[in-house]
């Protein structure tokens, strides 16, 4: 089992690259907002219960997928409500269950992030869509988080999502499907 751990700031293209990677590999796409949006229906963002449950769910899914031999693509936005020990817990959980984690950092200039912020596709989930809020969060240091390991870094402002996905496959030696996987419950890329 491989866990492709895509991380980067809001609007860096994590979900878009994740969808492209899913199409190439068939790996299951377990993106951040599946858990975050579910918990936001009940708990305020950053509340103790939200933080605890978010991490428990992430780690439980990683463990179960690794035990079942299901490779995953996970998207993660490093920010200060996440326990600083989460990355080490994720590594330990996946390795203990027999899997490996491949860390991919997605980077993008701030100007491009801001241009993408108001993209209508971001409304599908409860994603940050306000440039003003984005700037305020950055000013307050809300995106400060211990840097996860980086096996591969890709600037998403210079490559198309499918090319980023191809680079990930090549770098980690992932088998590419001869027929693209069909993304379930997601609009076309």
Protein backbone atom coordinates (compact mmCIF):
# COMPACT_ATOMS: atom_id res chain seq x y z
CA UNK A 1 0.00 0.00 0.00
CA UNK A 2 1.19 3.47 -0.85
CA UNK A 3 -0.19 6.67 0.61
CA UNK A 4 0.52 9.56 -1.75
CA UNK A 5 0.44 12.51 0.64
CA UNK A 6 -0.17 15.68 -1.40
CA UNK A 7 0.29 18.83 0.64
CA UNK A 8 0.42 22.55 0.05
CA UNK A 9 -1.42 25.79 0.75
CA UNK A 10 -5.04 26.49 -0.13
CA UNK A 11 -5.55 26.68 -3.91
CA UNK A 12 -2.22 25.00 -4.72
CA UNK A 13 -4.07 22.34 -6.72
CA UNK A 14 -4.11 19.42 -4.30
CA UNK A 15 -7.56 18.10 -5.22
CA UNK A 16 -7.08 18.76 -8.93
CA UNK A 17 -3.73 16.95 -9.00
CA UNK A 18 -5.23 14.23 -6.79
CA UNK A 19 -8.03 13.65 -9.31
CA UNK A 20 -5.53 13.44 -12.17
CA UNK A 21 -3.38 11.02 -10.16
CA UNK A 22 -6.46 8.91 -9.41
CA UNK A 23 -7.23 8.71 -13.13
CA UNK A 24 -3.69 7.53 -13.89
CA UNK A 25 -3.30 5.05 -11.02
CA UNK A 26 -6.74 4.09 -9.77
CA UNK A 27 -5.59 4.91 -6.21
CA UNK A 28 -8.50 5.94 -4.00
CA UNK A 29 -8.77 9.71 -3.47
CA UNK A 30 -9.25 10.53 0.22
CA UNK A 31 -9.16 14.30 0.12
CA UNK A 32 -9.08 16.61 3.11
CA UNK A 33 -12.57 18.05 2.64
CA UNK A 34 -14.30 14.68 2.90
CA UNK A 35 -13.49 14.77 6.62
CA UNK A 36 -13.33 18.53 7.23
CA UNK A 37 -16.70 19.29 5.62
CA UNK A 38 -18.38 16.43 7.48
CA UNK A 39 -17.09 17.65 10.84
CA UNK A 40 -17.97 21.28 10.06
CA UNK A 41 -21.62 20.21 9.92
CA UNK A 42 -21.39 19.64 13.68
CA UNK A 43 -18.31 21.33 15.15
CA UNK A 44 -16.71 24.76 14.66
CA UNK A 45 -13.43 24.68 12.74
CA UNK A 46 -10.53 24.41 15.17
CA UNK A 47 -12.65 23.40 18.17
CA UNK A 48 -11.16 20.64 20.37
CA UNK A 49 -13.68 18.04 19.16
CA UNK A 50 -13.14 19.02 15.52
CA UNK A 51 -9.35 18.71 15.87
CA UNK A 52 -9.48 15.40 17.73
CA UNK A 53 -12.02 13.75 15.44
CA UNK A 54 -10.35 14.99 12.24
CA UNK A 55 -7.05 13.38 13.20
CA UNK A 56 -8.70 10.19 14.47
CA UNK A 57 -10.57 9.77 11.19
CA UNK A 58 -7.52 10.51 9.04
CA UNK A 59 -5.38 8.01 10.94
CA UNK A 60 -8.12 5.36 11.09
CA UNK A 61 -8.61 5.51 7.32
CA UNK A 62 -4.83 5.35 6.71
CA UNK A 63 -4.52 2.31 8.97
CA UNK A 64 -7.49 0.44 7.52
CA UNK A 65 -6.44 1.15 3.92
CA UNK A 66 -2.88 -0.01 4.63
CA UNK A 67 -4.12 -3.21 6.28
CA UNK A 68 -6.44 -3.84 3.33
CA UNK A 69 -3.71 -3.06 0.78
CA UNK A 70 -5.61 -0.11 -0.69
CA UNK A 71 -3.37 2.64 -1.99
CA UNK A 72 -4.58 6.17 -1.28
CA UNK A 73 -4.09 9.74 -2.38
CA UNK A 74 -4.51 12.12 0.55
CA UNK A 75 -4.65 15.91 0.34
CA UNK A 76 -3.49 18.03 3.25
CA UNK A 77 -3.23 21.77 3.86
CA UNK A 78 -0.67 22.37 6.62
CA UNK A 79 -2.15 24.79 9.13
CA UNK A 80 -1.94 25.54 12.83
CA UNK A 81 -5.04 23.67 14.04
CA UNK A 82 -3.41 20.36 13.12
CA UNK A 83 -1.43 18.67 15.90
CA UNK A 84 2.28 19.16 15.12
CA UNK A 85 2.76 15.43 15.74
CA UNK A 86 0.24 14.43 13.06
CA UNK A 87 2.82 13.76 10.36
CA UNK A 88 4.85 11.45 12.60
CA UNK A 89 1.63 9.71 13.68
CA UNK A 90 0.63 9.25 10.04
CA UNK A 91 4.01 7.78 9.13
CA UNK A 92 3.97 5.42 12.12
CA UNK A 93 0.36 4.35 11.49
CA UNK A 94 0.92 3.55 7.82
CA UNK A 95 4.27 1.83 8.35
CA UNK A 96 2.95 -0.28 11.24
CA UNK A 97 0.15 -1.50 8.96
CA UNK A 98 2.67 -2.37 6.22
CA UNK A 99 2.35 0.65 3.95
CA UNK A 100 4.62 3.48 2.84
CA UNK A 101 4.03 7.24 2.56
CA UNK A 102 5.24 9.28 -0.39
CA UNK A 103 5.25 13.02 0.37
CA UNK A 104 4.58 15.44 -2.48
CA UNK A 105 4.72 19.17 -1.85
CA UNK A 106 2.68 21.35 -4.19
CA UNK A 107 3.96 24.91 -4.35
CA UNK A 108 2.63 27.94 -6.15
CA UNK A 109 3.32 31.70 -6.06
CA UNK A 110 0.97 33.63 -3.76
CA UNK A 111 -0.33 35.72 -6.67
CA UNK A 112 -1.46 32.55 -8.46
CA UNK A 113 -3.00 31.14 -5.27
CA UNK A 114 -5.03 34.34 -4.96
CA UNK A 115 -6.16 34.13 -8.60
CA UNK A 116 -7.33 30.56 -8.02
CA UNK A 117 -9.02 31.38 -4.71
CA UNK A 118 -12.27 32.57 -6.29
CA UNK A 119 -12.47 29.78 -8.87
CA UNK A 120 -16.06 28.45 -8.90
CA UNK A 121 -14.78 24.86 -8.59
CA UNK A 122 -13.73 25.65 -5.01
CA UNK A 123 -17.42 26.02 -4.05
CA UNK A 124 -18.04 22.28 -4.43
CA UNK A 125 -16.57 21.80 -0.96
CA UNK A 126 -16.23 24.18 1.99
CA UNK A 127 -12.91 25.47 0.70
CA UNK A 128 -11.41 28.86 1.45
CA UNK A 129 -12.65 31.18 -1.32
CA UNK A 130 -12.07 34.67 0.01
CA UNK A 131 -8.84 36.42 -0.92
CA UNK A 132 -9.26 38.76 2.06
CA UNK A 133 -9.64 35.83 4.48
CA UNK A 134 -6.69 34.07 2.83
CA UNK A 135 -4.51 37.15 3.31
CA UNK A 136 -5.66 37.59 6.92
CA UNK A 137 -4.96 33.95 7.77
CA UNK A 138 -1.47 34.22 6.25
CA UNK A 139 -0.85 37.47 8.13
CA UNK A 140 -1.82 35.77 11.42
CA UNK A 141 0.39 32.77 10.68
CA UNK A 142 -2.47 30.28 10.41
CA UNK A 143 -0.52 28.39 7.77
CA UNK A 144 2.45 27.82 10.08
CA UNK A 145 2.98 24.10 10.60
CA UNK A 146 6.12 21.99 10.89
CA UNK A 147 7.11 21.18 7.32
CA UNK A 148 6.23 17.61 6.36
CA UNK A 149 8.98 15.62 4.68
CA UNK A 150 9.31 16.33 0.97
CA UNK A 151 10.14 13.49 -1.39
CA UNK A 152 9.04 15.49 -4.44
CA UNK A 153 8.10 19.15 -4.93
CA UNK A 154 6.04 20.39 -7.88
CA UNK A 155 5.23 23.99 -8.80
CA UNK A 156 1.61 23.78 -9.95
CA UNK A 157 1.77 27.18 -11.61
CA UNK A 158 4.13 25.79 -14.25
CA UNK A 159 2.59 22.39 -15.08
CA UNK A 160 -0.87 21.09 -15.90
CA UNK A 161 -2.46 18.77 -13.31
CA UNK A 162 -2.08 15.68 -15.52
CA UNK A 163 1.62 16.44 -16.00
CA UNK A 164 2.06 16.83 -12.23
CA UNK A 165 0.36 13.45 -11.81
CA UNK A 166 2.66 11.88 -14.42
CA UNK A 167 5.70 13.27 -12.60
CA UNK A 168 4.45 11.74 -9.35
CA UNK A 169 3.96 8.37 -11.04
CA UNK A 170 7.41 8.49 -12.60
CA UNK A 171 9.18 9.63 -9.43
CA UNK A 172 7.62 6.95 -7.20
CA UNK A 173 7.50 4.22 -9.84
CA UNK A 174 3.70 3.99 -9.77
CA UNK A 175 2.02 1.82 -12.37
CA UNK A 176 -0.06 3.86 -14.80
CA UNK A 177 -3.36 2.31 -15.90
CA UNK A 178 -3.82 1.66 -19.61
CA UNK A 179 -7.43 2.85 -19.28
CA UNK A 180 -7.94 5.92 -17.05
CA UNK A 181 -9.86 5.30 -13.85
CA UNK A 182 -13.29 6.88 -13.66
CA UNK A 183 -13.60 9.41 -10.89
CA UNK A 184 -16.65 8.66 -8.82
CA UNK A 185 -18.72 11.61 -7.55
CA UNK A 186 -16.36 14.22 -9.00
CA UNK A 187 -16.87 16.50 -11.99
CA UNK A 188 -14.48 16.12 -14.88
CA UNK A 189 -11.07 17.72 -14.49
